[in-house]
Protein backbone atom coordinates (compact mmCIF):
# COMPACT_ATOMS: atom_id res chain seq x y z
CA UNK A 1 -12.49 1.24 -2.83
CA UNK A 2 -8.78 0.84 -3.52
CA UNK A 3 -7.95 -2.83 -3.14
CA UNK A 4 -4.30 -1.95 -3.73
CA UNK A 5 -3.95 -0.76 -0.14
CA UNK A 6 -2.30 -3.14 2.32
CA UNK A 7 -4.50 -4.35 5.19
CA UNK A 8 -2.44 -2.36 7.70
CA UNK A 9 -3.12 0.90 5.88
CA UNK A 10 -6.80 0.06 5.71
CA UNK A 11 -6.91 -0.67 9.44
CA UNK A 12 -5.12 2.59 10.26
CA UNK A 13 -7.47 4.56 8.02
CA UNK A 14 -10.47 2.87 9.62
CA UNK A 15 -9.28 3.63 13.17
CA UNK A 16 -8.57 7.26 12.22
CA UNK A 17 -12.05 7.56 10.71
CA UNK A 18 -13.61 6.12 13.88
CA UNK A 19 -11.66 8.49 16.13
CA UNK A 20 -12.51 11.45 13.92
CA UNK A 21 -16.17 10.49 13.90
CA UNK A 22 -16.25 10.21 17.71
CA UNK A 23 -14.52 13.57 18.10
CA UNK A 24 -16.91 15.22 15.64
CA UNK A 25 -19.88 13.65 17.40
CA UNK A 26 -18.66 14.95 20.78
CA UNK A 27 -18.25 18.48 19.41
CA UNK A 28 -21.72 18.43 17.85
CA UNK A 29 -23.22 17.03 21.04
CA UNK A 30 -21.56 19.73 23.17
CA UNK A 31 -22.66 22.46 20.75
CA UNK A 32 -26.27 21.30 20.50
CA UNK A 33 -26.43 20.27 24.15
CA UNK A 34 -25.89 23.87 25.29
CA UNK A 35 -29.02 25.06 23.50
């Protein structure tokens, strides 16, 4: 954890992580759902 990061950067990183996680989950769901 880098406490040197401003809150804004932390929020942006968190939102990017959430979007990336949702996108990855959708891809995995589509891939496994076809089986």
